[in-house]
């Protein structure tokens, strides 16, 4: 009797195949060491090697945190429960990425992509990046860093005597007061600034930036670079203004900043068409 004739044999083989697939990314496969998994481009990988670093593995961190019911409907001022949920999700996702980076022997993660989604009932945060380390160096004792800098920016930072220490972030949600009926009528016939939205945006920005700077100070950073912001009304709560910001916290590790002189490079594979001969035909 062949394996195909045995009831459940195909299902057993499928389960074994799935188990092998899950074991492969964790380095549990038998035989020689597995190859490097990375989302870095070839240029970025070679650039890392040029400064004595190497990619190790593609790592991930995620967190989903609930938001209390009813906070989007009516409110006044800052909506602290939503801001707290955002901070908790970012912190948990960063910690999980750090743990995964340490488990593969990495000193940190570069090129981290930050995906944040705000839903009526929860906040989703997903971080994806590449674990890196100095070539031939064992895992360090302190926690790995998480950075959304590209490999190119990371190399420039290292060469200047600076180092990333973590991902700094901050967010704030502020309720924009609703306009009175009289205000709506006055604004219906002329261009008038919507002061309630403007004030809410400024309040959200100041709070979010202050929280991001505070998170960097908690990591003993000297500054934040490559800051990204996302702001505007919430799709499901039009009277709530959101402002979130994140960037890489950096610290000076050398005795002083090292100045870098830029070099002009002329690429020989430029694909930009400067002149199209067929345009002379008027076609």
Foldseek 3Di string as FASTA:
>chain_A
DDLVPDPCSVVVVVVVVVVVVVVVLLQNDDDDTDDEAFPADPVLQVLQVVLQKHWHYKFKFKDKFWADPPLLPDDAWWPVSVQVQVVVGVVRRFVRRQVVLVSRFAQAWELWDWDWDDDNTIIIIMIITIGMHGPPDGRDDDTHEYFNHGSVVQSVQVVFQKHFQYKFKFKIKTFQDDDDPVVCVVCPPDPDDPVSVVVLQVSGVVRGVVRRVVRLVVSVFPDWPPKDWDWAADPVRRRMIMIMIMTTGMHRRDPDTHDDDDDDDDDPPDPDDPDDVVVVVVD
